[in-house]
Amino acid sequence: MKELIGTGVALITPFTKDGAVDTAGLTRIVHFQIENGVNYLVVLGTTAESAVLSKDEKQLVIDTVVAANGGTLPLVLGIGGNNTQAVMDEFTSRDIAVFTAILSVSPMYNKPTQEGIYRHFAAIASVSSKPIIMYNVPGRTASNMEPETVARLAHDFDKIVAIKEAKGDIVQAMEMISQTPKDFLVISGDDMIALPMTLAGGSGVISVIAEGFPKAFSMMIQYALARKVDQAYDIHYKIAPAIDYIFAQGNPAGIKAVFAALGLCEATLRLPLVEVSDDLNAKIKLFVNDF
């Protein structure tokens, strides 16, 4: 899965001021990624506010991204949830031919055991026509995928090719890298440790901050993959303050403020999410203008 090595970006869903999906803004954002060197695009992940999109709106987002991308970059589609059968149904009913892989989050809220997590991914792997990137994000799901569970799934199912690891724990990430097959991809889902994870043997990042600063962040990851450590860390420390800013009041509120500062779309979110405070917005604008 060489297409998934490097920098993937978790696309937002921009909204107009009246709350409709902003297809023009989304098109501009996709073009911004392509023009600035990212390696692939992730559609309808957590950052896309997919939890508050209707079925028709999700299809509109997919259609808009596919058209704007024009076959330029590989596409990854988010399909996940805490109802295993419903996830399996979506895997088999949705047209996913244009996508390189599927990103599927570990079940949230239910708090399954490690055996439950294993059986969930085993079930969806049994019906998937596409490679699967598992997504571990304990801060949202309330349960952690242990390295042993990840390794077991990686060894047992050819369809499971990668994990987006977003616990923010470099030790856990290294354990996943060491315990999984050599061709299995451990992808950072935490922007602040994307560089050390890649240097430790990871395969890059599915990033939020890279969406706002695609050229710099993509270059940093390419330096890391090439083991050009000093150059990579020079970029990391320049962009690190923005990582803190965009997550300070939740995702995607922060990255939408970045896009508003760049003039690519409005900062509008859907409840229960709200825009960042005026103080934080001022810091984000200043960083964007000075970067």
Protein backbone atom coordinates (compact mmCIF):
# COMPACT_ATOMS: atom_id res chain seq x y z
CA MET A 1 0.00 0.00 0.00
CA LYS A 2 2.64 2.52 -1.07
CA GLU A 3 -0.15 5.02 -1.87
CA LEU A 4 -0.71 5.40 1.88
CA ILE A 5 2.88 6.24 2.81
CA GLY A 6 3.51 9.91 3.50
CA THR A 7 0.97 12.60 4.33
CA GLY A 8 -2.75 12.00 4.18
CA VAL A 9 -5.12 14.76 5.23
CA ALA A 10 -8.44 14.37 7.03
CA LEU A 11 -10.67 16.68 5.01
CA ILE A 12 -13.14 18.95 6.76
CA THR A 13 -16.69 19.49 5.55
CA PRO A 14 -17.03 23.26 5.07
CA PHE A 15 -20.44 24.81 5.67
CA THR A 16 -21.89 28.07 4.44
CA LYS A 17 -23.05 30.62 7.01
CA ASP A 18 -26.57 29.19 6.78
CA GLY A 19 -25.29 25.68 7.53
CA ALA A 20 -25.39 24.01 4.10
CA VAL A 21 -22.50 21.94 2.77
CA ASP A 22 -20.20 24.37 0.97
CA THR A 23 -19.23 22.45 -2.17
CA ALA A 24 -17.29 25.40 -3.62
CA GLY A 25 -15.26 25.71 -0.44
CA LEU A 26 -14.62 21.96 -0.37
CA THR A 27 -13.42 22.08 -3.96
CA ARG A 28 -10.99 24.89 -3.11
CA ILE A 29 -9.68 22.90 -0.16
CA VAL A 30 -9.11 19.78 -2.26
CA HIS A 31 -7.23 21.82 -4.88
CA PHE A 32 -5.17 23.43 -2.09
CA GLN A 33 -4.06 19.97 -0.93
CA ILE A 34 -3.18 18.78 -4.44
CA GLU A 35 -1.22 21.94 -5.25
CA ASN A 36 0.83 21.70 -2.05
CA GLY A 37 2.09 18.14 -2.14
CA VAL A 38 -0.04 15.92 0.10
CA ASN A 39 -0.06 12.22 -0.79
CA TYR A 40 -3.70 11.23 -0.27
CA LEU A 41 -7.07 12.52 0.92
CA VAL A 42 -9.32 11.08 3.64
CA VAL A 43 -13.03 11.72 3.11
CA LEU A 44 -15.73 11.59 5.82
CA GLY A 45 -13.50 10.99 8.79
CA THR A 46 -14.06 12.52 12.24
CA THR A 47 -12.68 15.87 11.07
CA ALA A 48 -15.41 15.99 8.40
CA GLU A 49 -18.10 16.17 11.12
CA SER A 50 -19.52 13.04 9.52
CA ALA A 51 -21.58 12.33 12.65
CA VAL A 52 -23.83 15.30 11.84
CA LEU A 53 -24.12 14.78 8.08
CA SER A 54 -27.19 13.18 6.53
CA LYS A 55 -26.86 10.27 4.10
CA ASP A 56 -27.48 12.61 1.17
CA GLU A 57 -24.93 15.13 2.47
CA LYS A 58 -22.32 12.40 2.82
CA GLN A 59 -22.86 11.44 -0.81
CA LEU A 60 -22.62 15.11 -1.80
CA VAL A 61 -19.27 15.37 0.01
CA ILE A 62 -18.00 12.24 -1.72
CA ASP A 63 -19.13 13.42 -5.14
CA THR A 64 -17.57 16.86 -4.61
CA VAL A 65 -14.21 15.49 -3.50
CA VAL A 66 -14.07 12.90 -6.30
CA ALA A 67 -14.85 15.58 -8.91
CA ALA A 68 -12.37 18.10 -7.46
CA ASN A 69 -9.63 15.49 -7.16
CA GLY A 70 -10.10 14.30 -10.72
CA GLY A 71 -8.18 11.10 -10.07
CA THR A 72 -5.05 12.99 -9.00
CA LEU A 73 -4.55 11.62 -5.48
CA PRO A 74 -5.56 8.34 -3.83
CA LEU A 75 -8.75 8.64 -1.78
CA VAL A 76 -9.61 6.98 1.54
CA LEU A 77 -13.22 6.82 2.77
CA GLY A 78 -14.28 6.79 6.41
CA ILE A 79 -16.82 4.07 7.25
CA GLY A 80 -17.14 3.17 10.90
CA GLY A 81 -19.37 3.04 13.94
CA ASN A 82 -20.29 1.12 17.07
CA ASN A 83 -22.88 -1.14 15.42
CA THR A 84 -20.83 -3.84 13.70
CA GLN A 85 -23.66 -5.07 11.50
CA ALA A 86 -24.48 -1.53 10.34
CA VAL A 87 -20.82 -0.96 9.44
CA MET A 88 -20.77 -4.22 7.50
CA ASP A 89 -23.95 -3.20 5.68
CA GLU A 90 -22.41 0.12 4.65
CA PHE A 91 -19.25 -1.64 3.43
CA THR A 92 -21.34 -3.77 1.11
CA SER A 93 -24.01 -1.28 0.05
CA ARG A 94 -21.99 1.87 -0.66
CA ASP A 95 -20.17 2.28 -3.97
CA ILE A 96 -16.51 2.41 -2.92
CA ALA A 97 -14.88 1.56 -6.25
CA VAL A 98 -13.05 4.90 -6.52
CA PHE A 99 -11.41 4.59 -3.10
CA THR A 100 -7.99 3.09 -2.41
CA ALA A 101 -8.86 2.04 1.15
CA ILE A 102 -11.41 2.41 3.94
CA LEU A 103 -10.64 4.08 7.28
CA SER A 104 -12.70 2.44 10.02
CA VAL A 105 -12.72 3.64 13.60
CA SER A 106 -12.70 1.29 16.58
CA PRO A 107 -16.22 1.13 18.08
CA MET A 108 -17.00 4.09 20.29
CA TYR A 109 -19.17 4.39 23.41
CA ASN A 110 -19.79 0.63 23.80
CA LYS A 111 -16.30 0.20 25.32
CA PRO A 112 -15.71 -3.32 23.95
CA THR A 113 -13.06 -5.65 25.32
CA GLN A 114 -9.98 -6.41 23.22
CA GLU A 115 -11.74 -9.57 22.02
CA GLY A 116 -14.76 -7.48 21.04
CA ILE A 117 -12.55 -5.09 19.08
CA TYR A 118 -10.86 -8.03 17.38
CA ARG A 119 -14.17 -9.61 16.36
CA HIS A 120 -15.53 -6.26 15.12
CA PHE A 121 -12.66 -5.78 12.68
CA ALA A 122 -12.64 -9.46 11.77
CA ALA A 123 -16.30 -9.13 10.79
CA ILE A 124 -15.84 -6.09 8.57
CA ALA A 125 -12.67 -7.55 7.02
CA SER A 126 -14.75 -10.56 5.98
CA VAL A 127 -17.04 -8.40 3.81
CA SER A 128 -14.74 -5.61 2.62
CA SER A 129 -13.74 -5.36 -1.03
CA LYS A 130 -11.10 -2.77 -0.13
CA PRO A 131 -8.07 -2.65 2.18
CA ILE A 132 -8.89 -1.45 5.69
CA ILE A 133 -7.07 1.11 7.81
CA MET A 134 -8.09 0.64 11.43
CA TYR A 135 -8.40 3.80 13.52
CA ASN A 136 -7.49 3.87 17.19
CA VAL A 137 -8.50 7.10 18.92
CA PRO A 138 -9.19 6.37 22.61
CA GLY A 139 -9.91 10.02 23.39
CA ARG A 140 -13.08 9.70 21.30
CA THR A 141 -13.95 6.01 21.55
CA ALA A 142 -13.33 5.49 25.30
CA SER A 143 -11.42 2.27 24.62
CA ASN A 144 -7.87 1.61 23.45
CA MET A 145 -6.73 -0.89 20.84
CA GLU A 146 -3.80 -2.62 22.51
CA PRO A 147 -0.71 -3.39 20.38
CA GLU A 148 -1.30 -7.11 20.77
CA THR A 149 -4.82 -6.77 19.33
CA VAL A 150 -3.53 -4.71 16.41
CA ALA A 151 -0.79 -7.25 15.72
CA ARG A 152 -3.26 -10.13 15.87
CA LEU A 153 -5.54 -8.46 13.33
CA ALA A 154 -2.60 -7.49 11.11
CA HIS A 155 -1.36 -11.07 11.01
CA ASP A 156 -4.78 -12.71 10.64
CA PHE A 157 -6.41 -10.64 7.86
CA ASP A 158 -4.85 -9.64 4.55
CA LYS A 159 -7.52 -6.97 4.09
CA ILE A 160 -6.32 -5.13 7.21
CA VAL A 161 -3.27 -3.22 5.98
CA ALA A 162 -2.75 -0.32 8.37
CA ILE A 163 -3.72 1.48 11.53
CA LYS A 164 -4.17 5.19 12.16
CA GLU A 165 -2.80 5.33 15.69
CA ALA A 166 -4.04 8.37 17.59
CA LYS A 167 -3.57 7.59 21.25
CA GLY A 168 -0.70 10.07 21.33
CA ASP A 169 1.56 7.49 23.01
CA ILE A 170 4.89 7.04 21.22
CA VAL A 171 5.70 3.90 23.23
CA GLN A 172 2.45 2.22 22.15
CA ALA A 173 3.13 3.27 18.56
CA MET A 174 6.60 1.70 18.65
CA GLU A 175 5.13 -1.51 20.07
CA MET A 176 2.68 -1.63 17.15
CA ILE A 177 5.50 -1.05 14.67
CA SER A 178 7.62 -3.81 16.21
CA GLN A 179 4.81 -6.37 16.54
CA THR A 180 3.14 -6.06 13.13
CA PRO A 181 4.33 -7.41 9.75
CA LYS A 182 6.92 -5.34 7.89
CA ASP A 183 4.44 -4.34 5.18
CA PHE A 184 1.79 -3.25 7.70
CA LEU A 185 1.52 0.53 7.97
CA VAL A 186 1.45 2.26 11.34
CA ILE A 187 0.22 5.76 10.51
CA SER A 188 0.25 8.59 13.02
CA GLY A 189 -3.12 10.07 13.87
CA ASP A 190 -1.56 12.56 16.27
CA ASP A 191 0.04 15.57 14.59
CA MET A 192 2.39 16.44 17.44
CA ILE A 193 4.13 13.05 17.39
CA ALA A 194 3.84 12.35 13.67
CA LEU A 195 7.54 13.09 13.16
CA PRO A 196 8.97 10.83 15.90
CA MET A 197 6.52 8.07 14.95
CA THR A 198 7.67 8.22 11.33
CA LEU A 199 11.33 8.24 12.35
CA ALA A 200 10.64 5.22 14.56
CA GLY A 201 9.45 3.23 11.56
CA GLY A 202 5.95 4.54 11.00
CA SER A 203 4.55 5.24 7.54
CA GLY A 204 3.62 8.89 7.89
CA VAL A 205 0.45 10.59 9.06
CA ILE A 206 -3.24 11.18 8.52
CA SER A 207 -3.19 14.76 9.62
CA VAL A 208 -5.43 17.66 10.55
CA ILE A 209 -2.79 20.41 10.71
CA ALA A 210 -1.37 19.38 7.32
CA GLU A 211 -4.68 20.34 5.77
CA GLY A 212 -4.00 23.96 6.71
CA PHE A 213 -0.25 23.89 6.06
CA PRO A 214 0.09 21.13 3.47
CA LYS A 215 3.39 22.09 1.86
CA ALA A 216 5.36 22.42 5.09
CA PHE A 217 3.90 19.39 6.86
CA SER A 218 4.21 17.14 3.82
CA MET A 219 7.84 18.21 3.41
CA MET A 220 8.49 17.41 7.07
CA ILE A 221 7.14 13.87 6.65
CA GLN A 222 9.15 13.36 3.45
CA TYR A 223 12.28 14.45 5.31
CA ALA A 224 11.42 11.98 8.06
CA LEU A 225 10.94 9.11 5.61
CA ALA A 226 14.32 10.01 4.08
CA ARG A 227 15.86 10.15 7.58
CA LYS A 228 16.78 13.81 7.19
CA VAL A 229 16.22 14.41 10.86
CA ASP A 230 17.48 17.96 11.34
CA GLN A 231 15.50 19.33 8.40
CA ALA A 232 12.38 17.54 9.60
CA TYR A 233 12.61 18.84 13.16
CA ASP A 234 13.24 22.37 11.92
CA ILE A 235 9.78 22.31 10.30
CA HIS A 236 8.21 20.53 13.26
CA TYR A 237 9.19 23.22 15.75
CA LYS A 238 7.99 25.98 13.43
CA ILE A 239 4.55 24.44 13.05
CA ALA A 240 4.13 22.98 16.56
CA PRO A 241 2.42 26.06 18.06
CA ALA A 242 -0.31 25.80 15.42
CA ILE A 243 -0.93 22.17 16.39
CA ASP A 244 -1.64 23.29 19.94
CA TYR A 245 -3.89 26.08 18.69
CA ILE A 246 -6.07 23.98 16.41
CA PHE A 247 -6.85 21.38 19.05
CA ALA A 248 -7.18 23.75 22.03
CA GLN A 249 -10.96 24.04 21.63
CA GLY A 250 -11.69 20.90 19.69
CA ASN A 251 -11.43 19.49 16.21
CA PRO A 252 -12.40 20.66 13.58
CA ALA A 253 -13.11 24.08 15.10
CA GLY A 254 -9.42 25.00 15.08
CA ILE A 255 -8.61 23.88 11.55
CA LYS A 256 -11.75 25.60 10.25
CA ALA A 257 -10.44 28.83 11.80
CA VAL A 258 -7.21 28.26 9.84
CA PHE A 259 -9.15 27.86 6.61
CA ALA A 260 -11.15 31.00 7.34
CA ALA A 261 -7.88 32.89 7.85
CA LEU A 262 -6.65 31.49 4.52
CA GLY A 263 -9.86 32.63 2.83
CA LEU A 264 -10.81 29.14 1.67
CA CYS A 265 -14.11 28.72 3.55
CA GLU A 266 -16.17 29.91 6.50
CA ALA A 267 -15.39 28.72 10.03
CA THR A 268 -18.99 27.48 10.47
CA LEU A 269 -19.60 24.26 12.42
CA ARG A 270 -22.71 22.27 13.29
CA LEU A 271 -23.93 21.87 16.85
CA PRO A 272 -22.91 20.55 19.24
CA LEU A 273 -19.59 21.94 17.95
CA VAL A 274 -19.03 25.71 17.98
CA GLU A 275 -16.44 28.09 16.58
CA VAL A 276 -13.26 28.88 18.53
CA SER A 277 -13.20 31.85 20.91
CA ASP A 278 -12.23 35.30 19.66
CA ASP A 279 -8.95 35.10 21.58
CA LEU A 280 -7.93 31.78 20.05
CA ASN A 281 -9.10 32.90 16.63
CA ALA A 282 -6.81 35.93 16.87
CA LYS A 283 -3.84 33.69 17.71
CA ILE A 284 -4.63 31.40 14.77
CA LYS A 285 -4.95 34.33 12.35
CA LEU A 286 -1.63 35.78 13.52
CA PHE A 287 0.12 32.43 13.09
CA VAL A 288 -1.32 31.93 9.60
CA ASN A 289 -0.30 35.44 8.55
CA ASP A 290 3.24 35.07 9.92
CA PHE A 291 3.94 31.47 8.80
